[in-house]
């Protein structure tokens, strides 16, 4: 469990610099340049992510049951996961979904974390998904308080709207039917 917690601490520390120390972040980017900043950010994020993955796998090998979720929570989780992949794609594609969600990546993380919190009752699940849910809520509040970034020159189009939804749902189906079991050893259906 300590490896999972260390990974989460590193990952969230890196991803929270803009929340807790925006002026310091801006000074560092100016001092070392955006390229080196992004490289360091990526390396630290990847290190945290790898510790999360290995720590979560180790914690699942020695499970600590906090509660046994009722079967209906799995059905609710499947429903809550429906918008996640379209929202993830919307974070990178100019679309009306992106405009409506404002911060689709954070919304996707909230849905993903909540769905997994509801359908899993192990300590490692609560630590992992609960921390992601809490961080996404805090980050969303922080984003609301920051100045809006410059608007993208790319305009949303109906083609992008359809692409985001169709490709997102296709990814969800692929994850549901194949990838979740292969990657995490748990078949959601």
C-alpha atoms as a PDB file:
ATOM      1  CA  UNK A   1       0.000   0.000   0.000  1.00  0.00           C
ATOM      2  CA  UNK A   2       2.906   2.367   0.678  1.00  0.00           C
ATOM      3  CA  UNK A   3       4.026   2.177  -2.974  1.00  0.00           C
ATOM      4  CA  UNK A   4       0.502   3.097  -4.118  1.00  0.00           C
ATOM      5  CA  UNK A   5       0.393   6.050  -1.721  1.00  0.00           C
ATOM      6  CA  UNK A   6       3.877   7.214  -2.778  1.00  0.00           C
ATOM      7  CA  UNK A   7       2.853   7.015  -6.441  1.00  0.00           C
ATOM      8  CA  UNK A   8      -0.319   8.990  -5.771  1.00  0.00           C
ATOM      9  CA  UNK A   9       1.646  11.594  -3.814  1.00  0.00           C
ATOM     10  CA  UNK A  10       4.153  12.070  -6.645  1.00  0.00           C
ATOM     11  CA  UNK A  11       1.500  12.065  -9.370  1.00  0.00           C
ATOM     12  CA  UNK A  12      -0.768  14.542  -7.596  1.00  0.00           C
ATOM     13  CA  UNK A  13       2.123  16.750  -6.473  1.00  0.00           C
ATOM     14  CA  UNK A  14       3.196  17.151 -10.082  1.00  0.00           C
ATOM     15  CA  UNK A  15      -0.370  17.689 -11.296  1.00  0.00           C
ATOM     16  CA  UNK A  16      -1.152  20.132  -8.476  1.00  0.00           C
ATOM     17  CA  UNK A  17       1.679  22.617  -8.968  1.00  0.00           C
ATOM     18  CA  UNK A  18      -0.659  24.886 -10.915  1.00  0.00           C
ATOM     19  CA  UNK A  19      -3.195  24.647  -8.067  1.00  0.00           C
ATOM     20  CA  UNK A  20      -0.900  25.372  -5.107  1.00  0.00           C
ATOM     21  CA  UNK A  21       1.987  27.321  -6.634  1.00  0.00           C
ATOM     22  CA  UNK A  22       1.022  28.862  -9.976  1.00  0.00           C
ATOM     23  CA  UNK A  23       3.486  31.765  -9.697  1.00  0.00           C
ATOM     24  CA  UNK A  24       6.362  29.380  -8.904  1.00  0.00           C
ATOM     25  CA  UNK A  25       5.372  27.193 -11.853  1.00  0.00           C
ATOM     26  CA  UNK A  26       5.347  30.194 -14.196  1.00  0.00           C
ATOM     27  CA  UNK A  27       8.769  31.331 -12.923  1.00  0.00           C
ATOM     28  CA  UNK A  28      10.216  27.855 -13.423  1.00  0.00           C
ATOM     29  CA  UNK A  29       8.833  27.576 -16.964  1.00  0.00           C
ATOM     30  CA  UNK A  30      10.276  30.999 -17.740  1.00  0.00           C
ATOM     31  CA  UNK A  31      13.630  30.123 -16.168  1.00  0.00           C
ATOM     32  CA  UNK A  32      14.225  26.686 -17.706  1.00  0.00           C
ATOM     33  CA  UNK A  33      11.927  26.933 -20.726  1.00  0.00           C
ATOM     34  CA  UNK A  34       8.711  25.132 -21.631  1.00  0.00           C
ATOM     35  CA  UNK A  35      10.471  22.129 -23.199  1.00  0.00           C
ATOM     36  CA  UNK A  36      12.586  21.161 -20.173  1.00  0.00           C
ATOM     37  CA  UNK A  37       9.615  21.888 -17.880  1.00  0.00           C
ATOM     38  CA  UNK A  38       7.407  19.504 -19.881  1.00  0.00           C
ATOM     39  CA  UNK A  39      10.131  16.841 -19.916  1.00  0.00           C
ATOM     40  CA  UNK A  40      10.598  17.038 -16.140  1.00  0.00           C
ATOM     41  CA  UNK A  41       6.832  17.136 -15.611  1.00  0.00           C
ATOM     42  CA  UNK A  42       6.399  14.074 -17.839  1.00  0.00           C
ATOM     43  CA  UNK A  43       9.184  12.087 -16.173  1.00  0.00           C
ATOM     44  CA  UNK A  44       7.847  12.804 -12.670  1.00  0.00           C
ATOM     45  CA  UNK A  45       4.272  12.026 -13.791  1.00  0.00           C
ATOM     46  CA  UNK A  46       5.362   8.755 -15.372  1.00  0.00           C
ATOM     47  CA  UNK A  47       7.296   7.770 -12.234  1.00  0.00           C
ATOM     48  CA  UNK A  48       4.221   8.479 -10.109  1.00  0.00           C
ATOM     49  CA  UNK A  49       1.981   6.604 -12.538  1.00  0.00           C
ATOM     50  CA  UNK A  50       4.233   3.533 -12.585  1.00  0.00           C
ATOM     51  CA  UNK A  51       4.302   3.507  -8.777  1.00  0.00           C
ATOM     52  CA  UNK A  52       0.489   3.788  -8.734  1.00  0.00           C
ATOM     53  CA  UNK A  53       0.114   0.849 -11.130  1.00  0.00           C
ATOM     54  CA  UNK A  54       2.611  -1.398  -9.344  1.00  0.00           C
ATOM     55  CA  UNK A  55       1.407  -0.316  -5.891  1.00  0.00           C
ATOM     56  CA  UNK A  56      -2.237  -0.945  -6.783  1.00  0.00           C
ATOM     57  CA  UNK A  57      -1.363  -4.384  -8.200  1.00  0.00           C
ATOM     58  CA  UNK A  58       0.550  -5.244  -5.009  1.00  0.00           C
ATOM     59  CA  UNK A  59      -2.306  -3.991  -2.811  1.00  0.00           C
ATOM     60  CA  UNK A  60      -4.828  -6.069  -4.792  1.00  0.00           C
ATOM     61  CA  UNK A  61      -2.694  -9.152  -4.108  1.00  0.00           C
ATOM     62  CA  UNK A  62      -3.345  -8.644  -0.376  1.00  0.00           C
ATOM     63  CA  UNK A  63      -6.888  -7.236  -0.357  1.00  0.00           C
ATOM     64  CA  UNK A  64      -8.429  -5.503   2.643  1.00  0.00           C
ATOM     65  CA  UNK A  65     -12.218  -5.579   2.371  1.00  0.00           C
ATOM     66  CA  UNK A  66     -13.951  -2.464   3.682  1.00  0.00           C
ATOM     67  CA  UNK A  67     -17.423  -3.314   2.382  1.00  0.00           C
ATOM     68  CA  UNK A  68     -19.092  -5.632  -0.108  1.00  0.00           C
ATOM     69  CA  UNK A  69     -20.818  -3.454  -2.699  1.00  0.00           C
ATOM     70  CA  UNK A  70     -24.278  -4.640  -3.758  1.00  0.00           C
ATOM     71  CA  UNK A  71     -24.561  -6.015  -7.291  1.00  0.00           C
ATOM     72  CA  UNK A  72     -26.589  -3.012  -8.476  1.00  0.00           C
ATOM     73  CA  UNK A  73     -23.577  -0.742  -7.936  1.00  0.00           C
ATOM     74  CA  UNK A  74     -21.812  -2.562 -10.782  1.00  0.00           C
ATOM     75  CA  UNK A  75     -24.702  -1.725 -13.087  1.00  0.00           C
ATOM     76  CA  UNK A  76     -24.599   1.883 -11.940  1.00  0.00           C
ATOM     77  CA  UNK A  77     -20.844   1.946 -12.557  1.00  0.00           C
ATOM     78  CA  UNK A  78     -21.368   0.740 -16.139  1.00  0.00           C
ATOM     79  CA  UNK A  79     -23.830   3.578 -16.660  1.00  0.00           C
ATOM     80  CA  UNK A  80     -21.551   6.172 -15.055  1.00  0.00           C
ATOM     81  CA  UNK A  81     -18.704   5.048 -17.313  1.00  0.00           C
ATOM     82  CA  UNK A  82     -20.691   5.737 -20.518  1.00  0.00           C
ATOM     83  CA  UNK A  83     -19.613   9.393 -20.858  1.00  0.00           C
ATOM     84  CA  UNK A  84     -16.011   8.836 -19.759  1.00  0.00           C
ATOM     85  CA  UNK A  85     -14.389   7.958 -23.093  1.00  0.00           C
ATOM     86  CA  UNK A  86     -16.290  10.573 -25.124  1.00  0.00           C
ATOM     87  CA  UNK A  87     -15.261  13.151 -22.508  1.00  0.00           C
ATOM     88  CA  UNK A  88     -11.638  12.025 -22.675  1.00  0.00           C
ATOM     89  CA  UNK A  89     -11.646  12.459 -26.444  1.00  0.00           C
ATOM     90  CA  UNK A  90     -13.458  15.785 -26.131  1.00  0.00           C
ATOM     91  CA  UNK A  91     -10.539  17.096 -24.091  1.00  0.00           C
ATOM     92  CA  UNK A  92      -8.435  16.974 -27.265  1.00  0.00           C
ATOM     93  CA  UNK A  93     -10.969  17.604 -30.061  1.00  0.00           C
ATOM     94  CA  UNK A  94     -12.811  20.894 -30.559  1.00  0.00           C
ATOM     95  CA  UNK A  95     -16.451  19.940 -30.077  1.00  0.00           C
ATOM     96  CA  UNK A  96     -19.646  21.130 -28.477  1.00  0.00           C
ATOM     97  CA  UNK A  97     -19.130  18.467 -25.807  1.00  0.00           C
ATOM     98  CA  UNK A  98     -15.820  20.095 -24.890  1.00  0.00           C
ATOM     99  CA  UNK A  99     -17.465  23.508 -24.740  1.00  0.00           C
ATOM    100  CA  UNK A 100     -20.377  22.216 -22.637  1.00  0.00           C
ATOM    101  CA  UNK A 101     -18.172  20.282 -20.199  1.00  0.00           C
ATOM    102  CA  UNK A 102     -15.616  23.139 -20.036  1.00  0.00           C
ATOM    103  CA  UNK A 103     -12.993  20.767 -18.632  1.00  0.00           C
ATOM    104  CA  UNK A 104     -13.920  17.353 -20.042  1.00  0.00           C
ATOM    105  CA  UNK A 105     -10.821  15.571 -18.711  1.00  0.00           C
ATOM    106  CA  UNK A 106     -11.707  16.502 -15.123  1.00  0.00           C
ATOM    107  CA  UNK A 107     -15.352  15.542 -15.647  1.00  0.00           C
ATOM    108  CA  UNK A 108     -14.227  12.196 -17.090  1.00  0.00           C
ATOM    109  CA  UNK A 109     -11.959  11.578 -14.089  1.00  0.00           C
ATOM    110  CA  UNK A 110     -14.833  12.335 -11.708  1.00  0.00           C
ATOM    111  CA  UNK A 111     -17.202   9.901 -13.465  1.00  0.00           C
ATOM    112  CA  UNK A 112     -14.471   7.224 -13.681  1.00  0.00           C
ATOM    113  CA  UNK A 113     -13.472   7.548 -10.032  1.00  0.00           C
ATOM    114  CA  UNK A 114     -17.048   7.651  -8.725  1.00  0.00           C
ATOM    115  CA  UNK A 115     -18.051   4.617 -10.800  1.00  0.00           C
ATOM    116  CA  UNK A 116     -15.132   2.622  -9.449  1.00  0.00           C
ATOM    117  CA  UNK A 117     -15.658   3.784  -5.858  1.00  0.00           C
ATOM    118  CA  UNK A 118     -19.275   2.624  -5.965  1.00  0.00           C
ATOM    119  CA  UNK A 119     -18.509  -0.807  -7.383  1.00  0.00           C
ATOM    120  CA  UNK A 120     -15.393  -1.718  -5.375  1.00  0.00           C
ATOM    121  CA  UNK A 121     -15.039  -2.113  -1.642  1.00  0.00           C
ATOM    122  CA  UNK A 122     -11.360  -2.832  -1.111  1.00  0.00           C
ATOM    123  CA  UNK A 123      -9.055  -0.444   0.740  1.00  0.00           C
ATOM    124  CA  UNK A 124      -6.781  -0.035  -2.293  1.00  0.00           C
ATOM    125  CA  UNK A 125      -9.810   0.921  -4.405  1.00  0.00           C
ATOM    126  CA  UNK A 126     -10.911   3.563  -1.921  1.00  0.00           C
ATOM    127  CA  UNK A 127      -7.381   4.989  -1.743  1.00  0.00           C
ATOM    128  CA  UNK A 128      -6.903   5.017  -5.533  1.00  0.00           C
ATOM    129  CA  UNK A 129     -10.310   6.102  -6.786  1.00  0.00           C
ATOM    130  CA  UNK A 130     -11.127   8.277  -3.783  1.00  0.00           C
ATOM    131  CA  UNK A 131      -7.919  10.253  -4.176  1.00  0.00           C
ATOM    132  CA  UNK A 132      -8.537  10.762  -7.903  1.00  0.00           C
ATOM    133  CA  UNK A 133     -12.090  11.923  -7.227  1.00  0.00           C
ATOM    134  CA  UNK A 134     -10.965  14.340  -4.511  1.00  0.00           C
ATOM    135  CA  UNK A 135      -8.130  15.688  -6.664  1.00  0.00           C
ATOM    136  CA  UNK A 136     -10.450  16.221  -9.668  1.00  0.00           C
ATOM    137  CA  UNK A 137     -12.902  18.162  -7.495  1.00  0.00           C
ATOM    138  CA  UNK A 138     -10.118  20.355  -6.069  1.00  0.00           C
ATOM    139  CA  UNK A 139      -8.590  20.895  -9.512  1.00  0.00           C
ATOM    140  CA  UNK A 140     -11.962  21.874 -10.994  1.00  0.00           C
ATOM    141  CA  UNK A 141     -12.458  24.451  -8.249  1.00  0.00           C
ATOM    142  CA  UNK A 142      -8.947  25.748  -8.932  1.00  0.00           C
ATOM    143  CA  UNK A 143      -9.576  25.956 -12.684  1.00  0.00           C
ATOM    144  CA  UNK A 144     -12.686  28.066 -12.058  1.00  0.00           C
ATOM    145  CA  UNK A 145     -10.553  30.577 -10.147  1.00  0.00           C
ATOM    146  CA  UNK A 146      -7.818  30.871 -12.784  1.00  0.00           C
ATOM    147  CA  UNK A 147      -8.004  33.196 -15.770  1.00  0.00           C
ATOM    148  CA  UNK A 148      -9.491  31.459 -18.798  1.00  0.00           C
ATOM    149  CA  UNK A 149      -6.903  30.254 -21.313  1.00  0.00           C
ATOM    150  CA  UNK A 150      -7.003  31.790 -24.784  1.00  0.00           C
ATOM    151  CA  UNK A 151      -9.772  30.338 -26.916  1.00  0.00           C
ATOM    152  CA  UNK A 152      -8.739  27.752 -29.480  1.00  0.00           C
ATOM    153  CA  UNK A 153      -8.746  28.868 -33.092  1.00  0.00           C
ATOM    154  CA  UNK A 154     -10.384  25.584 -34.091  1.00  0.00           C
ATOM    155  CA  UNK A 155     -14.159  25.825 -34.042  1.00  0.00           C
ATOM    156  CA  UNK A 156     -16.418  22.988 -32.898  1.00  0.00           C
ATOM    157  CA  UNK A 157     -18.178  21.195 -35.725  1.00  0.00           C
ATOM    158  CA  UNK A 158     -20.917  18.621 -36.020  1.00  0.00           C
ATOM    159  CA  UNK A 159     -18.350  16.224 -37.499  1.00  0.00           C
ATOM    160  CA  UNK A 160     -16.197  16.547 -34.382  1.00  0.00           C
ATOM    161  CA  UNK A 161     -19.246  16.117 -32.149  1.00  0.00           C
ATOM    162  CA  UNK A 162     -20.171  12.859 -33.869  1.00  0.00           C
ATOM    163  CA  UNK A 163     -16.551  11.711 -33.953  1.00  0.00           C
ATOM    164  CA  UNK A 164     -16.049  12.309 -30.228  1.00  0.00           C
ATOM    165  CA  UNK A 165     -19.247  10.488 -29.240  1.00  0.00           C
ATOM    166  CA  UNK A 166     -18.989   7.551 -31.674  1.00  0.00           C
ATOM    167  CA  UNK A 167     -15.253   6.962 -31.167  1.00  0.00           C
ATOM    168  CA  UNK A 168     -15.639   7.412 -27.397  1.00  0.00           C
ATOM    169  CA  UNK A 169     -18.448   4.873 -27.187  1.00  0.00           C
ATOM    170  CA  UNK A 170     -16.480   2.473 -29.404  1.00  0.00           C
ATOM    171  CA  UNK A 171     -13.501   2.802 -27.050  1.00  0.00           C
ATOM    172  CA  UNK A 172     -15.789   2.205 -24.098  1.00  0.00           C
ATOM    173  CA  UNK A 173     -17.157  -0.960 -25.744  1.00  0.00           C
ATOM    174  CA  UNK A 174     -13.627  -2.173 -26.524  1.00  0.00           C
ATOM    175  CA  UNK A 175     -12.551  -1.498 -22.952  1.00  0.00           C
ATOM    176  CA  UNK A 176     -15.654  -3.177 -21.561  1.00  0.00           C
ATOM    177  CA  UNK A 177     -15.452  -6.285 -23.723  1.00  0.00           C
ATOM    178  CA  UNK A 178     -11.696  -6.837 -23.973  1.00  0.00           C
ATOM    179  CA  UNK A 179      -9.207  -4.359 -22.557  1.00  0.00           C
ATOM    180  CA  UNK A 180     -10.354  -4.052 -18.931  1.00  0.00           C
ATOM    181  CA  UNK A 181      -9.975  -7.801 -18.366  1.00  0.00           C
ATOM    182  CA  UNK A 182      -6.640  -7.947 -20.185  1.00  0.00           C
ATOM    183  CA  UNK A 183      -5.146  -4.901 -18.508  1.00  0.00           C
ATOM    184  CA  UNK A 184      -6.550  -5.243 -14.990  1.00  0.00           C
ATOM    185  CA  UNK A 185      -7.634  -8.881 -14.729  1.00  0.00           C
ATOM    186  CA  UNK A 186     -11.250  -7.915 -14.009  1.00  0.00           C
ATOM    187  CA  UNK A 187     -14.063  -8.401 -16.510  1.00  0.00           C
ATOM    188  CA  UNK A 188     -16.691  -5.703 -15.887  1.00  0.00           C
ATOM    189  CA  UNK A 189     -19.446  -7.809 -17.478  1.00  0.00           C
END
